[in-house]
C-alpha cells in the first residue's frame, strides 16, 4: 500500500467535437421567428428542418438568393448562441419540389478517424510530455503534468483542423 501512495497522479482530458443540440434548436427557433417576421420572406416556401437523429439540417427556399439569406440568418443566430459555424458541412444546392431549392448541412458529431489521427500526430510532433490515444470518437490526452496538458490545449487551439474542438473531462 505504501508504494501506491507515492505514484504521481495522472491527469487527463478529452478532445471532442460536439454540438449542443439544445443550443442549436434554440438558434433555429430564433431563425424561424425572424424569417416569419421579415418582409422579404413573406409568401415564400422557406423552411428550416432539423433532423436530429440523422444529424442534418435541411434548408428549403424559393431560390439561391433566399437560401443564402436563410443561411446568413442561421449563422447569426448560431453565433449568438455559441454554436460553432465549423459544426456545419453544407452540401450542394439541389432543386426540390414546387420550384424550390434545398440544401442539406451535416452536423459535426464526434471526431472522425482522419481528424483524430491528425490531432494525435500534431501532439506527438510537438514532443510534449503527454500521451494521446484515440478512443472511439474522441482523443484522450494524459500526462503527469498539468502544465503539459495546458500546453497541449493551447497547441490544439492554435491549429485549425477544420472542425470545432472542445476539451472535456479535465481531471
Protein backbone atom coordinates (compact mmCIF):
# COMPACT_ATOMS: atom_id res chain seq x y z
CA UNK A 1 0.00 0.00 0.00
CA UNK A 2 2.81 2.45 0.77
CA UNK A 3 4.12 2.15 -2.80
CA UNK A 4 0.77 3.14 -4.35
CA UNK A 5 0.68 6.43 -2.43
CA UNK A 6 3.99 7.57 -3.94
CA UNK A 7 2.91 7.14 -7.59
CA UNK A 8 2.43 10.53 -9.25
CA UNK A 9 -1.15 11.21 -10.21
CA UNK A 10 -2.17 11.08 -13.89
CA UNK A 11 -4.18 14.00 -15.25
CA UNK A 12 -6.15 13.84 -18.47
CA UNK A 13 -8.70 15.49 -20.72
CA UNK A 14 -10.67 14.51 -23.81
CA UNK A 15 -10.61 16.30 -27.16
CA UNK A 16 -14.11 16.12 -28.65
CA UNK A 17 -16.14 17.81 -31.35
CA UNK A 18 -19.76 18.07 -30.26
CA UNK A 19 -22.62 20.45 -30.90
CA UNK A 20 -25.07 21.31 -28.15
CA UNK A 21 -28.32 20.21 -29.81
CA UNK A 22 -30.36 22.30 -27.35
CA UNK A 23 -28.48 25.47 -28.28
CA UNK A 24 -28.81 24.59 -31.98
CA UNK A 25 -32.58 24.10 -31.59
CA UNK A 26 -32.84 27.47 -29.82
CA UNK A 27 -30.84 29.16 -32.61
CA UNK A 28 -33.07 27.56 -35.28
CA UNK A 29 -36.24 28.61 -33.41
CA UNK A 30 -34.96 32.20 -33.37
CA UNK A 31 -34.09 31.97 -37.08
CA UNK A 32 -37.58 30.67 -37.91
CA UNK A 33 -39.18 33.55 -35.96
CA UNK A 34 -37.07 36.10 -37.82
CA UNK A 35 -37.94 34.55 -41.20
CA UNK A 36 -41.67 34.69 -40.41
CA UNK A 37 -41.38 38.38 -39.48
CA UNK A 38 -39.24 39.54 -42.38
CA UNK A 39 -40.96 41.21 -45.31
CA UNK A 40 -38.62 39.71 -47.93
CA UNK A 41 -39.68 36.20 -46.85
CA UNK A 42 -43.42 36.91 -46.98
CA UNK A 43 -45.27 34.34 -49.14
CA UNK A 44 -42.15 32.23 -49.69
CA UNK A 45 -41.79 28.49 -49.20
CA UNK A 46 -38.88 28.86 -46.80
CA UNK A 47 -38.40 26.28 -44.08
CA UNK A 48 -35.65 25.03 -41.79
CA UNK A 49 -35.82 21.41 -40.60
CA UNK A 50 -33.54 19.78 -38.05
CA UNK A 51 -33.25 16.01 -38.42
CA UNK A 52 -31.70 15.29 -35.04
CA UNK A 53 -31.29 11.53 -35.47
CA UNK A 54 -29.55 11.92 -38.84
CA UNK A 55 -27.55 14.94 -37.59
CA UNK A 56 -28.76 17.01 -40.55
CA UNK A 57 -30.11 20.48 -41.10
CA UNK A 58 -32.33 20.87 -44.18
CA UNK A 59 -32.90 24.36 -45.56
CA UNK A 60 -35.53 24.89 -48.30
CA UNK A 61 -36.35 28.19 -50.01
CA UNK A 62 -37.63 29.66 -53.28
CA UNK A 63 -34.25 30.35 -54.90
CA UNK A 64 -30.49 30.52 -54.31
CA UNK A 65 -30.65 34.13 -53.17
CA UNK A 66 -33.23 33.43 -50.46
CA UNK A 67 -31.38 30.25 -49.46
CA UNK A 68 -28.20 32.27 -48.87
CA UNK A 69 -30.19 34.82 -46.83
CA UNK A 70 -31.60 31.99 -44.66
CA UNK A 71 -28.07 30.65 -44.13
CA UNK A 72 -26.91 34.10 -43.03
CA UNK A 73 -29.77 34.27 -40.51
CA UNK A 74 -28.92 30.78 -39.20
CA UNK A 75 -25.22 31.70 -38.90
CA UNK A 76 -26.02 34.89 -36.98
CA UNK A 77 -28.33 33.05 -34.56
CA UNK A 78 -25.79 30.23 -34.07
CA UNK A 79 -23.01 32.68 -33.26
CA UNK A 80 -25.21 34.42 -30.68
CA UNK A 81 -25.97 31.05 -29.02
CA UNK A 82 -22.35 29.87 -29.05
CA UNK A 83 -22.81 27.16 -31.71
CA UNK A 84 -19.66 26.94 -33.84
CA UNK A 85 -20.10 27.56 -37.56
CA UNK A 86 -17.47 24.86 -38.20
CA UNK A 87 -20.04 22.34 -36.98
CA UNK A 88 -21.91 22.55 -40.31
CA UNK A 89 -20.77 20.86 -43.50
CA UNK A 90 -23.01 22.24 -46.26
CA UNK A 91 -23.81 20.06 -49.26
CA UNK A 92 -24.65 21.28 -52.75
CA UNK A 93 -27.79 23.24 -53.56
CA UNK A 94 -30.28 20.96 -55.32
CA UNK A 95 -33.71 21.50 -56.90
CA UNK A 96 -36.65 20.46 -54.70
CA UNK A 97 -40.43 20.14 -55.09
CA UNK A 98 -42.53 23.06 -56.29
CA UNK A 99 -39.70 25.02 -57.92
CA UNK A 100 -37.81 25.43 -54.65
CA UNK A 101 -34.16 24.71 -53.84
CA UNK A 102 -32.84 22.63 -50.96
CA UNK A 103 -29.52 22.37 -49.18
CA UNK A 104 -28.60 19.78 -46.57
CA UNK A 105 -25.98 20.56 -43.94
CA UNK A 106 -24.42 17.69 -41.99
CA UNK A 107 -23.86 18.50 -38.33
CA UNK A 108 -20.42 17.53 -36.99
CA UNK A 109 -20.71 14.96 -34.24
CA UNK A 110 -17.62 13.36 -32.78
CA UNK A 111 -14.13 13.28 -34.22
CA UNK A 112 -13.79 11.37 -37.48
CA UNK A 113 -10.88 8.94 -37.79
CA UNK A 114 -8.93 11.33 -40.02
CA UNK A 115 -9.28 14.29 -37.63
CA UNK A 116 -8.41 12.11 -34.62
CA UNK A 117 -5.23 10.86 -36.34
CA UNK A 118 -4.29 14.40 -37.32
CA UNK A 119 -4.74 15.61 -33.71
CA UNK A 120 -2.64 12.75 -32.28
CA UNK A 121 0.07 13.39 -34.92
CA UNK A 122 0.14 17.11 -34.07
CA UNK A 123 0.51 16.35 -30.35
CA UNK A 124 3.31 13.82 -30.95
CA UNK A 125 5.20 16.18 -33.28
CA UNK A 126 5.14 18.88 -30.58
CA UNK A 127 7.12 16.50 -28.31
CA UNK A 128 5.15 17.48 -25.22
CA UNK A 129 5.32 15.07 -22.28
CA UNK A 130 1.81 13.75 -22.87
CA UNK A 131 0.22 10.59 -24.23
CA UNK A 132 -2.57 10.84 -26.79
CA UNK A 133 -4.88 7.93 -27.62
CA UNK A 134 -7.81 7.69 -29.99
CA UNK A 135 -10.83 6.34 -28.11
CA UNK A 136 -13.82 5.98 -30.41
CA UNK A 137 -14.98 9.45 -31.41
CA UNK A 138 -12.65 11.40 -29.09
CA UNK A 139 -8.96 11.65 -28.23
CA UNK A 140 -7.81 11.17 -24.62
CA UNK A 141 -4.70 13.12 -23.66
CA UNK A 142 -2.99 12.21 -20.39
CA UNK A 143 0.11 13.32 -18.50
CA UNK A 144 1.56 13.62 -15.03
CA UNK A 145 1.96 17.35 -15.53
CA UNK A 146 -1.00 19.72 -15.60
CA UNK A 147 1.25 22.28 -17.33
CA UNK A 148 1.90 19.83 -20.18
CA UNK A 149 -1.86 19.36 -20.59
CA UNK A 150 -2.40 23.14 -20.63
CA UNK A 151 0.33 23.46 -23.27
CA UNK A 152 -1.38 20.73 -25.33
CA UNK A 153 -4.73 22.56 -25.17
CA UNK A 154 -3.03 25.80 -26.24
CA UNK A 155 -1.31 23.97 -29.12
CA UNK A 156 -4.57 22.43 -30.37
CA UNK A 157 -6.42 25.75 -30.09
CA UNK A 158 -3.73 27.42 -32.22
CA UNK A 159 -4.18 24.91 -35.07
CA UNK A 160 -7.11 24.79 -37.48
CA UNK A 161 -8.33 21.23 -38.02
CA UNK A 162 -11.40 22.43 -39.93
CA UNK A 163 -13.71 21.37 -37.11
CA UNK A 164 -14.73 22.82 -33.77
CA UNK A 165 -12.85 21.29 -30.83
CA UNK A 166 -13.86 21.18 -27.18
CA UNK A 167 -11.81 19.98 -24.24
CA UNK A 168 -13.82 17.99 -21.70
CA UNK A 169 -13.37 15.72 -18.67
CA UNK A 170 -10.36 17.67 -17.43
CA UNK A 171 -9.20 15.85 -14.32
